[in-house]
C-alpha atoms as a PDB file:
ATOM      1  CA  MET A   1     309.247 222.325 203.374  1.00  0.00           C
ATOM      2  CA  LEU A   2     306.254 221.928 201.065  1.00  0.00           C
ATOM      3  CA  GLN A   3     308.302 219.579 198.896  1.00  0.00           C
ATOM      4  CA  ARG A   4     308.938 217.309 201.916  1.00  0.00           C
ATOM      5  CA  VAL A   5     305.220 217.171 202.647  1.00  0.00           C
ATOM      6  CA  TYR A   6     304.543 216.345 199.003  1.00  0.00           C
ATOM      7  CA  ARG A   7     307.092 213.545 199.030  1.00  0.00           C
ATOM      8  CA  LEU A   8     305.472 212.115 202.140  1.00  0.00           C
ATOM      9  CA  PHE A   9     301.963 212.015 200.665  1.00  0.00           C
ATOM     10  CA  GLY A  10     302.476 212.418 196.919  1.00  0.00           C
ATOM     11  CA  ASP A  11     302.241 209.641 194.373  1.00  0.00           C
ATOM     12  CA  ASP A  12     305.686 210.181 192.827  1.00  0.00           C
ATOM     13  CA  GLU A  13     308.644 210.286 195.170  1.00  0.00           C
ATOM     14  CA  ASN A  14     310.873 212.050 192.653  1.00  0.00           C
ATOM     15  CA  ALA A  15     308.408 214.780 191.684  1.00  0.00           C
ATOM     16  CA  ASP A  16     309.543 218.351 191.977  1.00  0.00           C
ATOM     17  CA  MET A  17     307.310 221.269 192.902  1.00  0.00           C
ATOM     18  CA  SER A  18     307.173 222.608 189.319  1.00  0.00           C
ATOM     19  CA  ASN A  19     305.191 219.562 188.190  1.00  0.00           C
ATOM     20  CA  LEU A  20     302.409 220.041 190.718  1.00  0.00           C
ATOM     21  CA  SER A  21     299.977 221.804 188.418  1.00  0.00           C
ATOM     22  CA  ASN A  22     296.638 220.555 187.155  1.00  0.00           C
ATOM     23  CA  SER A  23     297.810 217.803 184.862  1.00  0.00           C
ATOM     24  CA  PRO A  24     295.482 215.189 183.362  1.00  0.00           C
ATOM     25  CA  PRO A  25     295.407 211.903 185.253  1.00  0.00           C
ATOM     26  CA  THR A  26     297.523 208.995 184.127  1.00  0.00           C
ATOM     27  CA  ASP A  27     296.285 205.405 183.954  1.00  0.00           C
ATOM     28  CA  GLU A  28     297.389 204.667 187.499  1.00  0.00           C
ATOM     29  CA  THR A  29     295.696 207.779 188.914  1.00  0.00           C
ATOM     30  CA  SER A  30     292.488 207.688 186.868  1.00  0.00           C
ATOM     31  CA  GLU A  31     290.548 206.255 189.818  1.00  0.00           C
ATOM     32  CA  ASN A  32     291.689 209.276 191.835  1.00  0.00           C
ATOM     33  CA  HIS A  33     290.864 211.734 189.042  1.00  0.00           C
ATOM     34  CA  PHE A  34     289.220 214.355 191.253  1.00  0.00           C
ATOM     35  CA  VAL A  35     292.062 214.555 193.748  1.00  0.00           C
ATOM     36  CA  SER A  36     294.875 214.034 191.243  1.00  0.00           C
ATOM     37  CA  SER A  37     293.545 216.807 189.010  1.00  0.00           C
ATOM     38  CA  LEU A  38     293.926 219.311 191.854  1.00  0.00           C
ATOM     39  CA  SER A  39     297.197 221.155 192.262  1.00  0.00           C
ATOM     40  CA  TRP A  40     299.299 220.147 195.250  1.00  0.00           C
ATOM     41  CA  ASP A  41     298.758 223.555 196.845  1.00  0.00           C
ATOM     42  CA  LEU A  42     294.978 223.194 196.567  1.00  0.00           C
ATOM     43  CA  ARG A  43     295.119 219.633 197.929  1.00  0.00           C
ATOM     44  CA  LEU A  44     297.079 220.889 200.938  1.00  0.00           C
ATOM     45  CA  GLN A  45     294.628 223.755 201.442  1.00  0.00           C
ATOM     46  CA  CYS A  46     291.678 221.327 201.319  1.00  0.00           C
ATOM     47  CA  PHE A  47     293.417 219.103 203.861  1.00  0.00           C
ATOM     48  CA  LEU A  48     294.030 222.055 206.183  1.00  0.00           C
ATOM     49  CA  GLY A  49     290.429 223.198 205.711  1.00  0.00           C
ATOM     50  CA  CYS A  50     289.121 219.752 206.662  1.00  0.00           C
ATOM     51  CA  LEU A  51     291.476 219.682 209.636  1.00  0.00           C
ATOM     52  CA  CYS A  52     290.240 223.076 210.863  1.00  0.00           C
ATOM     53  CA  LEU A  53     286.594 222.061 210.385  1.00  0.00           C
ATOM     54  CA  SER A  54     287.303 218.819 212.227  1.00  0.00           C
ATOM     55  CA  ILE A  55     288.748 220.705 215.183  1.00  0.00           C
ATOM     56  CA  ILE A  56     285.794 223.116 215.179  1.00  0.00           C
ATOM     57  CA  CYS A  57     283.339 220.193 215.135  1.00  0.00           C
ATOM     58  CA  SER A  58     285.146 218.486 218.005  1.00  0.00           C
ATOM     59  CA  LEU A  59     285.197 221.677 220.083  1.00  0.00           C
ATOM     60  CA  ALA A  60     281.524 222.348 219.343  1.00  0.00           C
ATOM     61  CA  GLY A  61     280.732 218.752 220.258  1.00  0.00           C
ATOM     62  CA  SER A  62     282.565 219.144 223.548  1.00  0.00           C
ATOM     63  CA  ALA A  63     280.553 222.286 224.303  1.00  0.00           C
ATOM     64  CA  LEU A  64     277.352 220.365 223.578  1.00  0.00           C
ATOM     65  CA  LEU A  65     278.438 217.643 225.996  1.00  0.00           C
ATOM     66  CA  PHE A  66     278.656 220.171 228.813  1.00  0.00           C
ATOM     67  CA  THR A  67     275.070 221.244 228.087  1.00  0.00           C
ATOM     68  CA  TRP A  68     273.941 217.578 228.010  1.00  0.00           C
ATOM     69  CA  LYS A  69     272.867 217.716 224.368  1.00  0.00           C
ATOM     70  CA  ILE A  70     274.115 214.220 223.653  1.00  0.00           C
ATOM     71  CA  THR A  71     272.614 213.934 220.163  1.00  0.00           C
ATOM     72  CA  GLY A  72     274.424 217.065 218.986  1.00  0.00           C
ATOM     73  CA  PHE A  73     277.568 215.922 220.773  1.00  0.00           C
ATOM     74  CA  THR A  74     277.637 212.550 218.998  1.00  0.00           C
ATOM     75  CA  VAL A  75     276.931 214.116 215.601  1.00  0.00           C
ATOM     76  CA  MET A  76     279.626 216.781 215.958  1.00  0.00           C
ATOM     77  CA  ILE A  77     282.284 214.395 217.273  1.00  0.00           C
ATOM     78  CA  SER A  78     281.556 211.875 214.512  1.00  0.00           C
ATOM     79  CA  LEU A  79     281.500 214.613 211.871  1.00  0.00           C
ATOM     80  CA  GLY A  80     284.891 215.769 213.121  1.00  0.00           C
ATOM     81  CA  SER A  81     286.264 212.244 212.731  1.00  0.00           C
ATOM     82  CA  ILE A  82     284.820 211.912 209.238  1.00  0.00           C
ATOM     83  CA  LEU A  83     286.286 215.278 208.218  1.00  0.00           C
ATOM     84  CA  SER A  84     289.708 214.143 209.451  1.00  0.00           C
ATOM     85  CA  LEU A  85     289.547 211.100 207.196  1.00  0.00           C
ATOM     86  CA  VAL A  86     288.312 213.164 204.239  1.00  0.00           C
ATOM     87  CA  GLY A  87     291.195 215.568 204.768  1.00  0.00           C
ATOM     88  CA  THR A  88     293.777 212.829 204.429  1.00  0.00           C
ATOM     89  CA  CYS A  89     292.011 211.695 201.247  1.00  0.00           C
ATOM     90  CA  PHE A  90     292.931 215.070 199.753  1.00  0.00           C
ATOM     91  CA  LEU A  91     296.602 214.427 200.491  1.00  0.00           C
ATOM     92  CA  MET A  92     296.837 210.827 199.336  1.00  0.00           C
ATOM     93  CA  GLY A  93     293.762 210.346 197.197  1.00  0.00           C
ATOM     94  CA  PRO A  94     290.783 208.245 198.281  1.00  0.00           C
ATOM     95  CA  LEU A  95     291.949 204.954 196.793  1.00  0.00           C
ATOM     96  CA  ARG A  96     295.429 205.178 198.290  1.00  0.00           C
ATOM     97  CA  GLN A  97     293.905 206.226 201.637  1.00  0.00           C
ATOM     98  CA  LEU A  98     291.636 203.163 201.655  1.00  0.00           C
ATOM     99  CA  GLN A  99     294.509 200.902 200.618  1.00  0.00           C
ATOM    100  CA  LYS A 100     296.651 202.193 203.477  1.00  0.00           C
ATOM    101  CA  MET A 101     293.776 201.990 205.961  1.00  0.00           C
ATOM    102  CA  PHE A 102     293.162 198.341 205.203  1.00  0.00           C
ATOM    103  CA  GLU A 103     296.748 197.120 204.956  1.00  0.00           C
ATOM    104  CA  ARG A 104     297.504 194.048 207.016  1.00  0.00           C
ATOM    105  CA  GLY A 105     298.949 195.888 210.011  1.00  0.00           C
ATOM    106  CA  ARG A 106     296.136 198.400 210.407  1.00  0.00           C
ATOM    107  CA  PHE A 107     293.037 196.572 209.146  1.00  0.00           C
ATOM    108  CA  LEU A 108     291.607 195.944 212.609  1.00  0.00           C
ATOM    109  CA  ALA A 109     292.379 199.472 213.831  1.00  0.00           C
ATOM    110  CA  SER A 110     290.719 200.998 210.751  1.00  0.00           C
ATOM    111  CA  LEU A 111     287.711 198.728 211.046  1.00  0.00           C
ATOM    112  CA  MET A 112     287.263 199.565 214.730  1.00  0.00           C
ATOM    113  CA  TYR A 113     287.610 203.285 214.009  1.00  0.00           C
ATOM    114  CA  LEU A 114     284.997 203.280 211.246  1.00  0.00           C
ATOM    115  CA  LEU A 115     282.696 200.995 213.224  1.00  0.00           C
ATOM    116  CA  SER A 116     282.926 203.208 216.298  1.00  0.00           C
ATOM    117  CA  ILE A 117     281.956 206.258 214.210  1.00  0.00           C
ATOM    118  CA  VAL A 118     278.880 204.437 212.900  1.00  0.00           C
ATOM    119  CA  LEU A 119     277.966 203.079 216.339  1.00  0.00           C
ATOM    120  CA  THR A 120     278.353 206.532 217.897  1.00  0.00           C
ATOM    121  CA  LEU A 121     275.903 207.976 215.396  1.00  0.00           C
ATOM    122  CA  LEU A 122     273.549 205.024 215.853  1.00  0.00           C
ATOM    123  CA  ALA A 123     273.545 205.317 219.651  1.00  0.00           C
ATOM    124  CA  GLY A 124     273.094 209.090 219.585  1.00  0.00           C
ATOM    125  CA  LEU A 125     270.602 209.519 216.758  1.00  0.00           C
ATOM    126  CA  VAL A 126     268.610 206.295 216.465  1.00  0.00           C
ATOM    127  CA  LEU A 127     268.727 204.766 219.936  1.00  0.00           C
ATOM    128  CA  SER A 128     268.897 208.089 221.823  1.00  0.00           C
ATOM    129  CA  ASN A 129     270.970 206.371 224.492  1.00  0.00           C
ATOM    130  CA  PRO A 130     273.415 208.930 225.976  1.00  0.00           C
ATOM    131  CA  PRO A 131     275.471 206.495 228.115  1.00  0.00           C
ATOM    132  CA  LEU A 132     275.959 204.144 225.167  1.00  0.00           C
ATOM    133  CA  ALA A 133     276.825 207.076 222.902  1.00  0.00           C
ATOM    134  CA  LEU A 134     279.491 208.208 225.378  1.00  0.00           C
ATOM    135  CA  VAL A 135     280.949 204.698 225.462  1.00  0.00           C
ATOM    136  CA  PHE A 136     281.175 204.685 221.668  1.00  0.00           C
ATOM    137  CA  VAL A 137     282.738 208.163 221.595  1.00  0.00           C
ATOM    138  CA  ILE A 138     285.403 206.941 224.012  1.00  0.00           C
ATOM    139  CA  GLY A 139     285.855 203.908 221.764  1.00  0.00           C
ATOM    140  CA  GLN A 140     286.107 206.239 218.799  1.00  0.00           C
ATOM    141  CA  TYR A 141     288.964 208.197 220.367  1.00  0.00           C
ATOM    142  CA  ILE A 142     290.777 205.055 221.517  1.00  0.00           C
ATOM    143  CA  SER A 143     290.479 203.431 218.094  1.00  0.00           C
ATOM    144  CA  MET A 144     291.549 206.681 216.386  1.00  0.00           C
ATOM    145  CA  ALA A 145     294.630 206.833 218.609  1.00  0.00           C
ATOM    146  CA  TRP A 146     295.435 203.188 217.879  1.00  0.00           C
ATOM    147  CA  TYR A 147     294.862 203.759 214.147  1.00  0.00           C
ATOM    148  CA  SER A 148     297.226 206.754 214.246  1.00  0.00           C
ATOM    149  CA  ILE A 149     299.850 204.723 216.091  1.00  0.00           C
ATOM    150  CA  THR A 150     299.875 202.176 213.257  1.00  0.00           C
ATOM    151  CA  TYR A 151     301.627 204.788 211.116  1.00  0.00           C
ATOM    152  CA  ILE A 152     304.552 205.046 213.564  1.00  0.00           C
ATOM    153  CA  PRO A 153     307.068 202.212 213.124  1.00  0.00           C
ATOM    154  CA  PHE A 154     307.282 199.894 216.151  1.00  0.00           C
ATOM    155  CA  ALA A 155     304.949 202.102 218.225  1.00  0.00           C
ATOM    156  CA  ARG A 156     302.283 199.407 218.606  1.00  0.00           C
ATOM    157  CA  GLU A 157     304.807 196.869 219.821  1.00  0.00           C
ATOM    158  CA  ALA A 158     306.266 199.341 222.319  1.00  0.00           C
ATOM    159  CA  ILE A 159     302.832 200.271 223.686  1.00  0.00           C
ATOM    160  CA  LEU A 160     301.721 196.638 223.911  1.00  0.00           C
ATOM    161  CA  SER A 161     304.951 195.745 225.699  1.00  0.00           C
ATOM    162  CA  LEU A 162     304.471 198.621 228.135  1.00  0.00           C
ATOM    163  CA  CYS A 163     300.867 197.588 228.834  1.00  0.00           C
ATOM    164  CA  CYS A 164     301.920 193.984 229.425  1.00  0.00           C
ATOM    165  CA  LYS A 165     304.557 195.120 231.915  1.00  0.00           C
ATOM    166  CA  CYS A 166     302.114 197.429 233.708  1.00  0.00           C
ATOM    167  CA  PHE A 167     299.314 194.888 234.008  1.00  0.00           C
ATOM    168  CA  SER A 168     301.324 191.749 234.763  1.00  0.00           C
END
């Protein structure tokens, strides 16, 4: 099972689990030295840790929304989104993550996701505008969903086709 996960996110498709120790980086992984120097088990643990922290931040943010503490809500929701992205950097490495995020098919989705995180923080912390912050949080979740869909083959086309049929 762990080997399948490694093949999905690892740099070498033919690697076996015995070669997943702390080996020095090669030329092609030198830009990802920090992540590539970690063992695969530790990388997976860091990913799971970031995922758990992301879920905790999102739940705490939701609790803050119910108490109308919009500033805390926007910070916690945005922190949860950032932690999710950091977690995937542990699996793939930061450079490979950025390359995948800004590939042709998901450039706009990635840009909207990152922009909505920044705008959420701006509206909540700098502008102190709760309605605008809520709009950006909704945008953040929509853009995150769309960004996630870009990793599923033909999912965008199917959803766009369904929306066209529903609204025409």
